[in-house]
Amino acid sequence: DVVASASASASASGASSSDPPPPPSDPPPLWFWRGDDRSSWYPYDDSDVAALEAALKTGDDVAVLSRGGATYVVDLTTAPMVQRNLDTGFRRDVRRGWPEEGDDEEEEDEGV
């Protein structure tokens, strides 16, 4: 009997239908951009996270994001990573993962 054989095999290996399911995979990474007050971090939305992750996965140096009629380029090669508005040249820091608490260092804006 195939069912009995499969049950005996599962019992012999220590596996049973009452075993807990395997742990879920790691949660997707989080991406944040630094606010104008230089101490707050705001999460990117899911579509931007997907674009950022795709660029990283394919080894691209930059990711291009569009939001509210503006186009942004995120340089993935710098530390910290930097987002630049292509129209105004305004730059802000970008992080992947959770921002570090107490990170309120002042940095010089580049008005390029």
C-alpha atoms as a PDB file:
ATOM      1  CA  ASP A   1       0.000   0.000   0.000  1.00  0.00           C
ATOM      2  CA  VAL A   2       1.576   3.283  -1.179  1.00  0.00           C
ATOM      3  CA  VAL A   3      -0.126   5.452   1.486  1.00  0.00           C
ATOM      4  CA  ALA A   4       0.949   3.153   4.320  1.00  0.00           C
ATOM      5  CA  SER A   5       4.460   3.078   2.906  1.00  0.00           C
ATOM      6  CA  ALA A   6       4.608   6.888   2.740  1.00  0.00           C
ATOM      7  CA  SER A   7       3.275   7.158   6.308  1.00  0.00           C
ATOM      8  CA  ALA A   8       5.779   4.647   7.596  1.00  0.00           C
ATOM      9  CA  SER A   9       8.542   6.468   5.776  1.00  0.00           C
ATOM     10  CA  ALA A  10       7.480   9.838   7.248  1.00  0.00           C
ATOM     11  CA  SER A  11       7.251   8.332  10.740  1.00  0.00           C
ATOM     12  CA  ALA A  12      10.657   6.742  10.394  1.00  0.00           C
ATOM     13  CA  SER A  13      12.198  10.057   9.361  1.00  0.00           C
ATOM     14  CA  GLY A  14      10.580  11.882  12.262  1.00  0.00           C
ATOM     15  CA  ALA A  15       8.373  14.023  10.001  1.00  0.00           C
ATOM     16  CA  SER A  16       4.653  14.099  10.556  1.00  0.00           C
ATOM     17  CA  SER A  17       1.734  16.209   9.487  1.00  0.00           C
ATOM     18  CA  SER A  18       1.662  17.775  12.975  1.00  0.00           C
ATOM     19  CA  ASP A  19       5.190  19.215  12.617  1.00  0.00           C
ATOM     20  CA  PRO A  20       5.226  23.015  12.532  1.00  0.00           C
ATOM     21  CA  PRO A  21       5.615  24.611   9.116  1.00  0.00           C
ATOM     22  CA  PRO A  22       9.057  25.843   8.148  1.00  0.00           C
ATOM     23  CA  PRO A  23       9.828  29.408   9.210  1.00  0.00           C
ATOM     24  CA  PRO A  24       8.801  32.100   6.727  1.00  0.00           C
ATOM     25  CA  SER A  25      11.456  33.521   4.465  1.00  0.00           C
ATOM     26  CA  ASP A  26      13.159  36.749   5.433  1.00  0.00           C
ATOM     27  CA  PRO A  27      10.983  39.840   5.095  1.00  0.00           C
ATOM     28  CA  PRO A  28      11.695  42.035   2.095  1.00  0.00           C
ATOM     29  CA  PRO A  29      14.326  44.715   2.635  1.00  0.00           C
ATOM     30  CA  LEU A  30      13.234  48.203   3.599  1.00  0.00           C
ATOM     31  CA  TRP A  31      14.462  51.362   1.892  1.00  0.00           C
ATOM     32  CA  PHE A  32      14.354  54.862   3.411  1.00  0.00           C
ATOM     33  CA  TRP A  33      15.086  58.399   2.252  1.00  0.00           C
ATOM     34  CA  ARG A  34      16.322  61.077   4.629  1.00  0.00           C
ATOM     35  CA  GLY A  35      13.887  63.897   5.383  1.00  0.00           C
ATOM     36  CA  ASP A  36      14.567  67.600   5.042  1.00  0.00           C
ATOM     37  CA  ASP A  37      15.027  67.887   8.822  1.00  0.00           C
ATOM     38  CA  ARG A  38      18.044  65.558   8.377  1.00  0.00           C
ATOM     39  CA  SER A  39      17.006  63.407  11.346  1.00  0.00           C
ATOM     40  CA  SER A  40      13.883  61.646  10.043  1.00  0.00           C
ATOM     41  CA  TRP A  41      13.796  58.723   7.647  1.00  0.00           C
ATOM     42  CA  TYR A  42      10.797  57.891   5.434  1.00  0.00           C
ATOM     43  CA  PRO A  43      10.092  54.559   3.731  1.00  0.00           C
ATOM     44  CA  TYR A  44       9.929  54.218  -0.031  1.00  0.00           C
ATOM     45  CA  ASP A  45       6.716  52.711  -1.361  1.00  0.00           C
ATOM     46  CA  ASP A  46       6.582  49.123  -2.615  1.00  0.00           C
ATOM     47  CA  SER A  47       7.028  49.973  -6.307  1.00  0.00           C
ATOM     48  CA  ASP A  48      10.153  52.026  -5.572  1.00  0.00           C
ATOM     49  CA  VAL A  49      11.535  49.257  -3.341  1.00  0.00           C
ATOM     50  CA  ALA A  50      10.990  46.791  -6.193  1.00  0.00           C
ATOM     51  CA  ALA A  51      12.894  49.079  -8.603  1.00  0.00           C
ATOM     52  CA  LEU A  52      15.740  49.600  -6.112  1.00  0.00           C
ATOM     53  CA  GLU A  53      16.042  45.876  -5.392  1.00  0.00           C
ATOM     54  CA  ALA A  54      15.933  45.010  -9.111  1.00  0.00           C
ATOM     55  CA  ALA A  55      18.765  47.464  -9.802  1.00  0.00           C
ATOM     56  CA  LEU A  56      20.852  45.946  -6.999  1.00  0.00           C
ATOM     57  CA  LYS A  57      20.153  42.399  -8.153  1.00  0.00           C
ATOM     58  CA  THR A  58      21.245  43.136 -11.722  1.00  0.00           C
ATOM     59  CA  GLY A  59      24.349  45.015 -10.577  1.00  0.00           C
ATOM     60  CA  ASP A  60      23.262  48.424 -11.867  1.00  0.00           C
ATOM     61  CA  ASP A  61      25.056  51.479 -10.485  1.00  0.00           C
ATOM     62  CA  VAL A  62      21.838  53.503 -10.331  1.00  0.00           C
ATOM     63  CA  ALA A  63      18.084  53.084 -10.033  1.00  0.00           C
ATOM     64  CA  VAL A  64      15.696  55.526 -11.693  1.00  0.00           C
ATOM     65  CA  LEU A  65      12.491  56.365  -9.813  1.00  0.00           C
ATOM     66  CA  SER A  66       9.565  58.562 -10.871  1.00  0.00           C
ATOM     67  CA  ARG A  67       7.235  60.133  -8.354  1.00  0.00           C
ATOM     68  CA  GLY A  68       4.806  63.045  -8.642  1.00  0.00           C
ATOM     69  CA  GLY A  69       6.117  64.164 -12.025  1.00  0.00           C
ATOM     70  CA  ALA A  70       9.742  64.229 -10.846  1.00  0.00           C
ATOM     71  CA  THR A  71      12.496  61.809 -11.814  1.00  0.00           C
ATOM     72  CA  TYR A  72      15.075  60.702  -9.275  1.00  0.00           C
ATOM     73  CA  VAL A  73      18.314  58.780  -9.720  1.00  0.00           C
ATOM     74  CA  VAL A  74      19.559  56.765  -6.751  1.00  0.00           C
ATOM     75  CA  ASP A  75      23.312  56.135  -6.839  1.00  0.00           C
ATOM     76  CA  LEU A  76      23.758  52.642  -5.425  1.00  0.00           C
ATOM     77  CA  THR A  77      27.564  52.815  -5.443  1.00  0.00           C
ATOM     78  CA  THR A  78      28.143  55.583  -2.894  1.00  0.00           C
ATOM     79  CA  ALA A  79      28.239  55.333   0.878  1.00  0.00           C
ATOM     80  CA  PRO A  80      25.802  56.587   1.892  1.00  0.00           C
ATOM     81  CA  MET A  81      23.673  56.002  -1.168  1.00  0.00           C
ATOM     82  CA  VAL A  82      22.270  59.243  -2.574  1.00  0.00           C
ATOM     83  CA  GLN A  83      19.032  60.132  -4.351  1.00  0.00           C
ATOM     84  CA  ARG A  84      19.203  63.076  -6.782  1.00  0.00           C
ATOM     85  CA  ASN A  85      16.261  64.946  -8.279  1.00  0.00           C
ATOM     86  CA  LEU A  86      17.105  65.293 -11.980  1.00  0.00           C
ATOM     87  CA  ASP A  87      15.154  68.574 -12.320  1.00  0.00           C
ATOM     88  CA  THR A  88      16.496  70.436  -9.281  1.00  0.00           C
ATOM     89  CA  GLY A  89      19.707  68.576  -8.496  1.00  0.00           C
ATOM     90  CA  PHE A  90      18.634  68.274  -4.845  1.00  0.00           C
ATOM     91  CA  ARG A  91      20.292  65.328  -3.114  1.00  0.00           C
ATOM     92  CA  ARG A  92      19.361  63.323  -0.069  1.00  0.00           C
ATOM     93  CA  ASP A  93      20.715  60.209   1.631  1.00  0.00           C
ATOM     94  CA  VAL A  94      19.151  56.798   1.082  1.00  0.00           C
ATOM     95  CA  ARG A  95      19.401  53.678   3.235  1.00  0.00           C
ATOM     96  CA  ARG A  96      18.553  50.023   2.805  1.00  0.00           C
ATOM     97  CA  GLY A  97      17.364  48.368   6.008  1.00  0.00           C
ATOM     98  CA  TRP A  98      16.509  50.132   9.238  1.00  0.00           C
ATOM     99  CA  PRO A  99      18.027  53.571   9.848  1.00  0.00           C
ATOM    100  CA  GLU A 100      20.377  53.735  12.799  1.00  0.00           C
ATOM    101  CA  GLU A 101      18.903  55.372  15.876  1.00  0.00           C
ATOM    102  CA  GLY A 102      20.392  58.692  16.823  1.00  0.00           C
ATOM    103  CA  ASP A 103      21.867  59.298  13.386  1.00  0.00           C
ATOM    104  CA  ASP A 104      21.296  63.023  13.107  1.00  0.00           C
ATOM    105  CA  GLU A 105      24.667  64.073  11.759  1.00  0.00           C
ATOM    106  CA  GLU A 106      24.664  67.215   9.669  1.00  0.00           C
ATOM    107  CA  GLU A 107      25.874  66.881   6.127  1.00  0.00           C
ATOM    108  CA  GLU A 108      26.450  69.545   3.532  1.00  0.00           C
ATOM    109  CA  ASP A 109      23.796  69.690   0.801  1.00  0.00           C
ATOM    110  CA  GLU A 110      25.013  69.774  -2.732  1.00  0.00           C
ATOM    111  CA  GLY A 111      22.803  72.111  -4.730  1.00  0.00           C
ATOM    112  CA  VAL A 112      23.900  70.677  -8.050  1.00  0.00           C
END
